[in-house]
Amino acid sequence: MPPVSSGLGAGMQALDELADDALLDRLQQAAFSYLSENTNPDNGLVADTSRTGSPCSIAVVGFALSCYPVAVERDWMSRREAAALTLRTLQFFSHSLQSEQPDATGFKGFYYHFLDMQSGRRVWQCELSLVDTALLMAGILTAGCYFDGAGDEESIRNLSEALYRRVDWHWARNGLETVSQGWKPEYGFLHYGWEGYNEATIVYILGVSSPTHPLPAASFGGWTLTYQWENLLGHDVLYSGPLFTHLFSHAWIDYRGIQDSFMREKGSDYFENTQSAIAIHREYGARNPRGYEGYDRDFWGITAGDGPGDREMRESRRDRRFFGYMSRGVPYGPDDGTIAPWAMLAALPFNAEAALRGTRRLLKSYPQVCPNGRFRSGFNATLKVQGRGWLSEGWFGLDQGLLVMMIENYRTGLIWQITRRCPVIRAGLIGAGFTGGWLSDPALACPRSPQLPSRTR
């Protein structure tokens, strides 16, 4: 795939001085350029990070497959080019080794979390990952719904269906009501599952919908029994600390106005719940209970991501301890003063005013977090390195793919319009007990190609 110019030449206007539309254009295209720079064009695998020697993350591939339609609609790629790359990606996953062998690409239709960028084989003795496979499948299904033409596009649709049907969600339960987090050939299923609300919603939605190896509807209900509904910092919320858990499944699924049994009881929905989570993150920043530099109502975004590493220091008469890559959360922590600079902007569809105000404040106060218009994974204003706040090295694919999708969902709703007509997602939501909203619209029950939105923002 040829490089996509981010349009960021020397001497150009500072990001924080741009009008909203121009700012979003710049940041969205720069985020997409990560994919063009870090994709193996022969097999479609996308590197987890921009760091030398990084393997492929299958979840990043799922985000990338969903970003190609955005690139087509915004004229960053031709439709033919996007379809050809998508087809090569799906062909790789279709033909790669599915086996109990420890160096296979996958097993039972699932795929290993990290793969070698060239061979596509398992690396790092990583797990066969349910949630990362679900994110990959979400991208595969999005591609199958978007590309509605003949030739390569017909092949994309056929492979999309075949790859999804191959996933053995029933096996992933390991005899239990709910699913495991993963499996390894060395010793079998991991000894923990999904408890409490998090990004696994999409695992259950796709699993319940399977026509070949489905999860029972009771599996989703069993998982929701582990939910924690709390009042935190003045807001009722279905608790999950890291911000990304309130965003990932929403990149594909439009939860506005649709409710499962749990949310019907609470008089809310998952979209509104993310809005509440954002309000809690902002309130936490304003209160700043641990006294970190920078935190306020317009400086937030505590989530999973890169960190300064395991180190300790004494600062402002406080003992500080910092961590490397980990899942940080609000309000219970862990919190070491590290935010994800991209996270506020990824919240655009839920609270655009707060997302843009926070992003502008960050870009004005700490412009180093967004070199060449592309946000780094982590930033800590409290921990000084050569007189400036610590900044993560390079870029992470998950951050960039999520940004492209969330900015587009805010601007045109493109991904949501595609997936609302996806029979798999619709059936999964209904099978898990969701009702109301767009699920009640008979026009959306027809799996024809979606009417794509105009660029309204």
Protein backbone atom coordinates (compact mmCIF):
# COMPACT_ATOMS: atom_id res chain seq x y z
CA MET A 1 0.00 0.00 0.00
CA PRO A 2 1.58 3.34 -0.95
CA PRO A 3 2.12 5.82 1.86
CA VAL A 4 -0.71 8.20 2.64
CA SER A 5 0.50 11.73 3.14
CA SER A 6 -0.53 13.26 6.45
CA GLY A 7 -0.20 16.70 4.89
CA LEU A 8 2.18 17.83 7.62
CA GLY A 9 4.98 19.80 6.09
CA ALA A 10 7.48 21.94 7.93
CA GLY A 11 6.18 25.33 8.96
CA MET A 12 2.51 24.43 8.71
CA GLN A 13 -0.06 25.93 11.06
CA ALA A 14 0.04 24.56 14.61
CA LEU A 15 -2.56 21.89 15.22
CA ASP A 16 -4.25 23.70 18.09
CA GLU A 17 -4.82 26.74 15.84
CA LEU A 18 -6.77 24.82 13.19
CA ALA A 19 -10.55 25.02 12.85
CA ASP A 20 -12.37 21.87 13.98
CA ASP A 21 -12.89 20.37 10.51
CA ALA A 22 -9.30 21.03 9.47
CA LEU A 23 -8.02 19.60 12.75
CA LEU A 24 -10.06 16.42 12.37
CA ASP A 25 -8.96 16.07 8.74
CA ARG A 26 -5.32 16.31 9.78
CA LEU A 27 -5.50 13.98 12.77
CA GLN A 28 -7.70 11.36 11.10
CA GLN A 29 -5.55 11.11 7.99
CA ALA A 30 -2.34 11.02 10.02
CA ALA A 31 -3.78 8.17 12.11
CA PHE A 32 -4.66 6.26 8.95
CA SER A 33 -1.16 6.76 7.61
CA TYR A 34 0.07 4.48 10.40
CA LEU A 35 -1.64 1.63 8.56
CA SER A 36 -0.14 2.51 5.19
CA GLU A 37 3.32 2.63 6.75
CA ASN A 38 3.09 -0.51 8.86
CA THR A 39 1.20 -3.04 6.72
CA ASN A 40 2.77 -5.97 4.91
CA PRO A 41 1.19 -5.53 1.45
CA ASP A 42 1.68 -9.22 0.61
CA ASN A 43 -0.52 -10.61 3.41
CA GLY A 44 -2.29 -7.59 4.90
CA LEU A 45 -0.80 -8.07 8.38
CA VAL A 46 -0.40 -4.84 10.35
CA ALA A 47 2.29 -4.25 12.97
CA ASP A 48 1.22 -3.85 16.58
CA THR A 49 3.55 -0.86 16.98
CA SER A 50 5.92 1.17 14.82
CA ARG A 51 8.89 -0.12 16.81
CA THR A 52 11.49 -2.17 14.96
CA GLY A 53 10.68 -5.87 14.90
CA SER A 54 7.11 -5.48 16.10
CA PRO A 55 4.86 -8.45 15.26
CA CYS A 56 1.38 -8.21 13.83
CA SER A 57 -1.56 -7.72 16.19
CA ILE A 58 -4.67 -9.42 14.83
CA ALA A 59 -6.82 -6.80 16.54
CA VAL A 60 -5.02 -4.05 14.64
CA VAL A 61 -5.79 -5.95 11.42
CA GLY A 62 -9.48 -5.86 12.39
CA PHE A 63 -9.32 -2.10 12.87
CA ALA A 64 -7.42 -1.70 9.59
CA LEU A 65 -10.00 -3.67 7.60
CA SER A 66 -12.65 -1.32 8.99
CA CYS A 67 -10.58 1.76 8.15
CA TYR A 68 -10.20 0.91 4.46
CA PRO A 69 -13.83 1.89 3.71
CA VAL A 70 -13.14 5.21 5.45
CA ALA A 71 -10.06 5.67 3.26
CA VAL A 72 -12.11 4.96 0.14
CA GLU A 73 -14.85 7.42 1.06
CA ARG A 74 -12.26 10.10 1.90
CA ASP A 75 -10.23 9.49 -1.26
CA TRP A 76 -7.10 8.31 0.55
CA MET A 77 -7.25 4.99 -1.36
CA SER A 78 -9.01 3.92 -4.51
CA ARG A 79 -11.80 1.41 -4.05
CA ARG A 80 -9.93 -1.07 -6.25
CA GLU A 81 -6.77 -0.73 -4.15
CA ALA A 82 -8.69 -1.12 -0.89
CA ALA A 83 -10.56 -4.17 -2.17
CA ALA A 84 -7.34 -5.81 -3.39
CA LEU A 85 -5.60 -5.30 -0.04
CA THR A 86 -8.65 -6.49 1.86
CA LEU A 87 -8.87 -9.61 -0.29
CA ARG A 88 -5.18 -10.44 0.25
CA THR A 89 -5.72 -10.08 4.00
CA LEU A 90 -8.72 -12.39 4.06
CA GLN A 91 -6.98 -14.90 1.82
CA PHE A 92 -4.06 -15.01 4.23
CA PHE A 93 -6.31 -15.79 7.20
CA SER A 94 -8.27 -18.31 5.19
CA HIS A 95 -5.21 -20.24 4.00
CA SER A 96 -2.98 -19.94 7.09
CA LEU A 97 -2.41 -22.96 9.33
CA GLN A 98 -5.23 -23.77 11.77
CA SER A 99 -3.77 -26.44 14.07
CA GLU A 100 -2.82 -27.38 17.63
CA GLN A 101 0.81 -26.95 16.57
CA PRO A 102 2.51 -24.29 18.72
CA ASP A 103 3.66 -22.30 15.68
CA ALA A 104 0.34 -22.28 13.83
CA THR A 105 -1.54 -19.10 12.97
CA GLY A 106 -4.72 -20.18 14.71
CA PHE A 107 -6.92 -22.99 15.94
CA LYS A 108 -10.69 -23.66 15.89
CA GLY A 109 -11.19 -20.56 13.75
CA PHE A 110 -9.56 -18.30 16.36
CA TYR A 111 -6.18 -16.66 15.86
CA TYR A 112 -3.16 -16.02 18.02
CA HIS A 113 -2.86 -12.54 19.46
CA PHE A 114 0.51 -11.81 17.83
CA LEU A 115 1.84 -13.15 14.52
CA ASP A 116 5.11 -12.85 12.65
CA MET A 117 4.73 -10.09 10.06
CA GLN A 118 6.17 -12.23 7.26
CA SER A 119 5.23 -15.86 7.95
CA GLY A 120 2.04 -15.15 9.88
CA ARG A 121 2.97 -17.75 12.49
CA ARG A 122 2.48 -17.39 16.25
CA VAL A 123 5.17 -15.46 18.16
CA TRP A 124 6.04 -14.87 21.84
CA GLN A 125 4.15 -18.02 22.89
CA CYS A 126 1.10 -15.78 22.99
CA GLU A 127 -2.46 -16.91 23.60
CA LEU A 128 -5.16 -17.85 21.14
CA SER A 129 -7.13 -14.69 21.89
CA LEU A 130 -10.92 -14.59 21.93
CA VAL A 131 -11.32 -10.83 22.16
CA ASP A 132 -8.64 -10.07 19.58
CA THR A 133 -10.19 -12.62 17.22
CA ALA A 134 -13.55 -10.92 17.78
CA LEU A 135 -12.05 -7.54 16.84
CA LEU A 136 -10.50 -9.15 13.75
CA MET A 137 -13.85 -10.71 12.83
CA ALA A 138 -15.60 -7.36 13.30
CA GLY A 139 -13.27 -5.92 10.69
CA ILE A 140 -13.75 -8.90 8.39
CA LEU A 141 -17.53 -8.59 8.64
CA THR A 142 -17.38 -4.83 8.04
CA ALA A 143 -15.40 -5.45 4.86
CA GLY A 144 -17.91 -8.09 3.76
CA CYS A 145 -20.77 -5.63 4.17
CA TYR A 146 -19.04 -2.65 2.54
CA PHE A 147 -17.65 -4.28 -0.58
CA ASP A 148 -20.81 -5.13 -2.51
CA GLY A 149 -19.52 -5.32 -6.08
CA ALA A 150 -18.31 -8.11 -8.37
CA GLY A 151 -14.86 -9.62 -8.83
CA ASP A 152 -12.58 -9.10 -5.83
CA GLU A 153 -15.50 -7.67 -3.87
CA GLU A 154 -17.56 -10.82 -4.30
CA SER A 155 -14.57 -12.86 -3.13
CA ILE A 156 -14.32 -10.62 -0.07
CA ARG A 157 -17.94 -11.33 0.83
CA ASN A 158 -17.50 -15.08 0.41
CA LEU A 159 -14.33 -15.20 2.50
CA SER A 160 -15.84 -12.94 5.16
CA GLU A 161 -18.70 -15.36 5.66
CA ALA A 162 -16.46 -18.44 5.59
CA LEU A 163 -13.99 -17.07 8.12
CA TYR A 164 -16.75 -16.06 10.51
CA ARG A 165 -18.53 -19.41 10.22
CA ARG A 166 -15.30 -21.26 11.03
CA VAL A 167 -14.93 -19.74 14.51
CA ASP A 168 -15.89 -22.30 17.18
CA TRP A 169 -17.35 -20.07 19.87
CA HIS A 170 -18.96 -23.08 21.56
CA TRP A 171 -15.53 -24.69 22.11
CA ALA A 172 -14.28 -21.47 23.71
CA ARG A 173 -16.64 -21.97 26.65
CA ASN A 174 -14.55 -24.92 27.87
CA GLY A 175 -17.72 -26.52 29.22
CA LEU A 176 -18.78 -23.41 31.17
CA GLU A 177 -21.62 -20.96 30.61
CA THR A 178 -19.33 -18.06 29.69
CA VAL A 179 -16.20 -17.97 27.55
CA SER A 180 -12.56 -18.16 28.48
CA GLN A 181 -10.16 -15.33 27.67
CA GLY A 182 -7.91 -17.59 25.64
CA TRP A 183 -6.11 -20.86 25.07
CA LYS A 184 -2.51 -22.03 24.65
CA PRO A 185 -1.33 -25.28 23.05
CA GLU A 186 1.13 -25.78 25.90
CA TYR A 187 -1.52 -26.17 28.61
CA GLY A 188 -5.02 -25.48 27.29
CA PHE A 189 -7.50 -22.83 28.37
CA LEU A 190 -6.38 -19.88 30.44
CA HIS A 191 -7.50 -20.08 34.05
CA TYR A 192 -9.60 -16.93 33.95
CA GLY A 193 -12.58 -15.64 32.01
CA TRP A 194 -14.29 -12.31 31.50
CA GLU A 195 -15.71 -10.78 34.67
CA GLY A 196 -17.26 -7.35 34.89
CA TYR A 197 -18.14 -5.06 32.01
CA ASN A 198 -15.35 -4.50 29.49
CA GLU A 199 -14.53 -4.70 25.78
CA ALA A 200 -15.73 -8.33 25.60
CA THR A 201 -19.27 -7.28 24.63
CA ILE A 202 -18.39 -7.82 20.98
CA VAL A 203 -17.17 -11.36 21.75
CA TYR A 204 -20.62 -12.35 22.96
CA ILE A 205 -22.51 -10.50 20.22
CA LEU A 206 -20.56 -12.27 17.48
CA GLY A 207 -20.61 -15.60 19.33
CA VAL A 208 -24.36 -15.65 19.90
CA SER A 209 -24.98 -14.97 16.20
CA SER A 210 -22.90 -17.83 14.81
CA PRO A 211 -24.86 -20.21 12.53
CA THR A 212 -22.29 -22.98 13.00
CA HIS A 213 -20.81 -22.96 16.54
CA PRO A 214 -22.90 -20.49 18.54
CA LEU A 215 -22.77 -19.37 22.12
CA PRO A 216 -26.12 -19.85 23.85
CA ALA A 217 -27.96 -16.63 24.58
CA ALA A 218 -27.63 -17.49 28.27
CA SER A 219 -23.88 -17.09 27.91
CA PHE A 220 -24.23 -13.33 27.46
CA GLY A 221 -26.68 -13.17 30.34
CA GLY A 222 -24.28 -15.12 32.52
CA TRP A 223 -21.56 -12.60 31.80
CA THR A 224 -23.80 -9.62 32.67
CA LEU A 225 -24.34 -11.17 36.12
CA THR A 226 -20.75 -10.13 36.87
CA TYR A 227 -21.45 -6.45 36.08
CA GLN A 228 -20.93 -3.75 38.74
CA TRP A 229 -23.42 -0.85 38.67
CA GLU A 230 -22.03 1.94 40.83
CA ASN A 231 -22.33 5.61 41.65
CA LEU A 232 -18.89 7.10 41.09
CA LEU A 233 -17.98 10.77 41.50
CA GLY A 234 -21.65 11.70 41.23
CA HIS A 235 -22.54 9.54 38.22
CA ASP A 236 -24.38 6.22 37.93
CA VAL A 237 -22.39 3.92 35.69
CA LEU A 238 -21.76 0.33 34.68
CA TYR A 239 -18.22 0.28 35.99
CA SER A 240 -15.09 -0.43 34.04
CA GLY A 241 -12.02 1.61 34.87
CA PRO A 242 -9.97 1.86 31.63
CA LEU A 243 -11.53 4.21 29.08
CA PHE A 244 -10.84 1.91 26.10
CA THR A 245 -13.28 -0.68 27.46
CA HIS A 246 -16.05 1.88 26.91
CA LEU A 247 -14.94 2.49 23.31
CA PHE A 248 -13.75 -0.64 21.51
CA SER A 249 -17.00 -2.46 20.75
CA HIS A 250 -18.66 0.92 20.10
CA ALA A 251 -16.30 1.49 17.17
CA TRP A 252 -18.45 -1.05 15.29
CA ILE A 253 -21.79 -1.22 17.12
CA ASP A 254 -24.18 1.69 17.42
CA TYR A 255 -25.62 1.22 20.91
CA ARG A 256 -27.73 4.37 20.85
CA GLY A 257 -31.25 3.56 21.98
CA ILE A 258 -30.87 -0.23 22.07
CA GLN A 259 -30.97 -2.04 25.40
CA ASP A 260 -30.34 -5.51 26.77
CA SER A 261 -32.06 -6.78 29.90
CA PHE A 262 -29.48 -5.21 32.19
CA MET A 263 -29.75 -1.76 30.65
CA ARG A 264 -33.54 -1.88 30.45
CA GLU A 265 -33.58 -2.40 34.20
CA LYS A 266 -31.26 0.57 34.71
CA GLY A 267 -33.06 2.84 32.25
CA SER A 268 -29.89 3.41 30.29
CA ASP A 269 -27.98 2.01 27.31
CA TYR A 270 -24.33 1.30 26.58
CA PHE A 271 -23.88 4.53 24.61
CA GLU A 272 -25.18 6.60 27.52
CA ASN A 273 -22.99 4.53 29.82
CA THR A 274 -19.90 5.56 27.88
CA GLN A 275 -21.02 9.17 28.22
CA SER A 276 -21.19 8.63 31.98
CA ALA A 277 -17.75 7.02 32.00
CA ILE A 278 -16.34 10.06 30.20
CA ALA A 279 -17.96 12.37 32.77
CA ILE A 280 -16.30 10.33 35.53
CA HIS A 281 -12.91 10.54 33.85
CA ARG A 282 -13.27 14.30 33.54
CA GLU A 283 -14.40 14.69 37.15
CA TYR A 284 -11.48 12.54 38.28
CA GLY A 285 -9.11 14.79 36.35
CA ALA A 286 -10.64 17.88 37.99
CA ARG A 287 -10.30 16.42 41.50
CA ASN A 288 -6.82 15.03 40.77
CA PRO A 289 -6.65 13.06 44.04
CA ARG A 290 -3.02 12.02 43.56
CA GLY A 291 -1.79 15.46 42.57
CA TYR A 292 -0.37 14.68 39.13
CA GLU A 293 0.83 17.45 36.85
CA GLY A 294 -1.55 18.45 34.09
CA TYR A 295 -4.69 16.72 35.33
CA ASP A 296 -7.88 18.74 35.16
CA ARG A 297 -11.35 18.50 33.65
CA ASP A 298 -9.85 18.98 30.19
CA PHE A 299 -6.89 16.63 30.68
CA TRP A 300 -8.07 13.03 30.94
CA GLY A 301 -7.93 9.69 29.15
CA ILE A 302 -6.64 7.07 31.59
CA THR A 303 -6.70 3.68 29.91
CA ALA A 304 -4.61 0.73 28.76
CA GLY A 305 -1.39 1.78 27.11
CA ASP A 306 2.31 2.37 27.26
CA GLY A 307 3.93 3.78 30.38
CA PRO A 308 7.29 5.00 31.67
CA GLY A 309 8.34 1.63 33.06
CA ASP A 310 8.76 0.33 36.60
CA ARG A 311 10.45 3.16 38.49
CA GLU A 312 10.03 5.18 41.68
CA MET A 313 10.72 8.78 42.62
CA ARG A 314 10.02 11.44 45.23
CA GLU A 315 8.17 14.42 43.79
CA SER A 316 6.27 17.30 45.47
CA ARG A 317 6.73 15.56 48.82
CA ARG A 318 5.01 12.46 47.45
CA ASP A 319 6.37 9.00 46.78
CA ARG A 320 5.62 8.15 43.14
CA ARG A 321 5.67 4.79 41.43
CA PHE A 322 5.36 4.42 37.67
CA PHE A 323 4.53 1.44 35.48
CA GLY A 324 5.15 0.21 31.95
CA TYR A 325 2.46 -0.99 29.55
CA MET A 326 -0.61 -1.76 31.61
CA SER A 327 -4.34 -1.18 31.97
CA ARG A 328 -4.90 1.99 34.01
CA GLY A 329 -8.34 3.04 35.21
CA VAL A 330 -10.58 5.54 36.99
CA PRO A 331 -11.32 6.07 39.83
CA TYR A 332 -9.81 3.03 41.57
CA GLY A 333 -6.60 2.99 39.56
CA PRO A 334 -3.98 2.06 38.89
CA ASP A 335 -3.05 5.63 38.05
CA ASP A 336 0.56 6.78 37.80
CA GLY A 337 -0.10 10.08 36.03
CA THR A 338 0.02 8.53 32.54
CA ILE A 339 -2.71 9.37 30.04
CA ALA A 340 -3.28 8.19 26.47
CA PRO A 341 -3.10 11.38 24.36
CA TRP A 342 -5.42 9.89 21.71
CA ALA A 343 -8.16 8.87 24.15
CA MET A 344 -9.99 12.20 24.45
CA LEU A 345 -10.36 12.50 20.68
CA ALA A 346 -11.59 8.89 20.45
CA ALA A 347 -14.52 9.96 22.65
CA LEU A 348 -15.83 12.35 19.96
CA PRO A 349 -19.11 10.51 19.23
CA PHE A 350 -20.10 10.60 22.91
CA ASN A 351 -19.16 14.14 23.96
CA ALA A 352 -17.74 16.14 21.08
CA GLU A 353 -17.40 19.37 23.03
CA ALA A 354 -15.35 17.76 25.81
CA ALA A 355 -13.30 15.69 23.35
CA LEU A 356 -12.31 18.68 21.23
CA ARG A 357 -11.71 21.02 24.16
CA GLY A 358 -9.51 18.47 25.90
CA THR A 359 -7.62 17.62 22.72
CA ARG A 360 -6.98 21.29 21.98
CA ARG A 361 -5.81 21.91 25.54
CA LEU A 362 -3.41 18.96 25.26
CA LEU A 363 -2.04 20.07 21.89
CA LYS A 364 -1.48 23.62 23.10
CA SER A 365 0.15 22.69 26.42
CA TYR A 366 2.08 19.63 25.29
CA PRO A 367 2.45 19.69 21.48
CA GLN A 368 5.15 17.00 21.65
CA VAL A 369 2.46 14.32 22.22
CA CYS A 370 1.41 14.54 18.56
CA PRO A 371 4.51 14.59 16.32
CA ASN A 372 3.62 14.82 12.63
CA GLY A 373 -0.06 14.97 13.59
CA ARG A 374 -0.16 11.46 15.03
CA PHE A 375 -0.76 10.84 18.74
CA ARG A 376 1.71 8.81 20.77
CA SER A 377 0.40 6.02 23.00
CA GLY A 378 1.31 7.40 26.42
CA PHE A 379 2.31 10.66 28.09
CA ASN A 380 3.21 11.48 31.70
CA ALA A 381 3.63 15.17 32.52
CA THR A 382 4.75 14.44 36.08
CA LEU A 383 7.76 12.27 35.27
CA LYS A 384 10.38 14.48 33.66
CA VAL A 385 12.81 13.19 31.06
CA GLN A 386 15.37 15.81 30.03
CA GLY A 387 13.11 18.49 31.46
CA ARG A 388 9.92 17.41 29.66
CA GLY A 389 7.16 14.97 30.46
CA TRP A 390 7.81 11.32 29.60
CA LEU A 391 6.54 10.36 26.14
CA SER A 392 5.99 6.90 24.68
CA GLU A 393 8.26 5.80 21.87
CA GLY A 394 6.68 5.37 18.44
CA TRP A 395 3.02 4.61 17.77
CA PHE A 396 0.56 1.80 18.52
CA GLY A 397 -1.78 0.47 15.86
CA LEU A 398 -4.80 0.01 18.11
CA ASP A 399 -4.77 3.70 19.03
CA GLN A 400 -4.57 4.83 15.42
CA GLY A 401 -7.21 2.47 14.05
CA LEU A 402 -9.66 3.35 16.79
CA LEU A 403 -9.13 7.06 16.14
CA VAL A 404 -9.86 6.73 12.42
CA MET A 405 -13.10 4.87 13.13
CA MET A 406 -14.34 7.06 15.97
CA ILE A 407 -13.62 10.29 14.13
CA GLU A 408 -15.55 8.92 11.16
CA ASN A 409 -18.46 7.75 13.29
CA TYR A 410 -18.67 11.28 14.67
CA ARG A 411 -18.37 12.96 11.29
CA THR A 412 -20.57 10.75 9.10
CA GLY A 413 -21.55 7.62 11.03
CA LEU A 414 -20.06 5.51 8.23
CA ILE A 415 -19.03 2.42 10.21
CA TRP A 416 -22.26 2.38 12.20
CA GLN A 417 -24.31 2.66 9.01
CA ILE A 418 -22.44 -0.28 7.51
CA THR A 419 -22.76 -2.51 10.56
CA ARG A 420 -26.41 -1.69 11.29
CA ARG A 421 -27.13 -3.61 8.07
CA CYS A 422 -24.78 -6.47 8.96
CA PRO A 423 -26.96 -9.57 9.50
CA VAL A 424 -24.43 -11.10 11.91
CA ILE A 425 -24.32 -8.09 14.22
CA ARG A 426 -28.07 -7.57 14.08
CA ALA A 427 -28.78 -11.23 14.87
CA GLY A 428 -26.20 -11.23 17.66
CA LEU A 429 -27.73 -8.22 19.34
CA ILE A 430 -31.24 -9.64 19.10
CA GLY A 431 -30.03 -13.05 20.27
CA ALA A 432 -28.41 -11.43 23.31
CA GLY A 433 -31.72 -9.77 24.19
CA PHE A 434 -31.25 -6.26 22.79
CA THR A 435 -34.40 -4.44 21.68
CA GLY A 436 -35.50 -0.97 20.63
CA GLY A 437 -33.83 1.80 18.68
CA TRP A 438 -32.62 0.97 15.19
CA LEU A 439 -33.22 -2.75 15.81
CA SER A 440 -36.93 -1.94 15.49
CA ASP A 441 -36.52 -0.42 12.03
CA PRO A 442 -37.66 -3.02 9.44
CA ALA A 443 -35.74 -1.22 6.70
CA LEU A 444 -32.47 -2.09 8.45
CA ALA A 445 -33.32 -5.79 8.59
CA CYS A 446 -32.51 -6.06 4.88
CA PRO A 447 -28.83 -6.94 4.37
CA ARG A 448 -28.44 -4.86 1.23
CA SER A 449 -25.60 -2.40 0.82
CA PRO A 450 -25.95 0.60 3.14
CA GLN A 451 -26.70 4.06 1.85
CA LEU A 452 -23.39 5.69 2.62
CA PRO A 453 -23.47 9.06 4.37
CA SER A 454 -22.38 12.37 2.95
CA ARG A 455 -19.51 14.19 4.60
CA THR A 456 -21.50 16.39 6.91
CA ARG A 457 -18.60 17.29 9.17
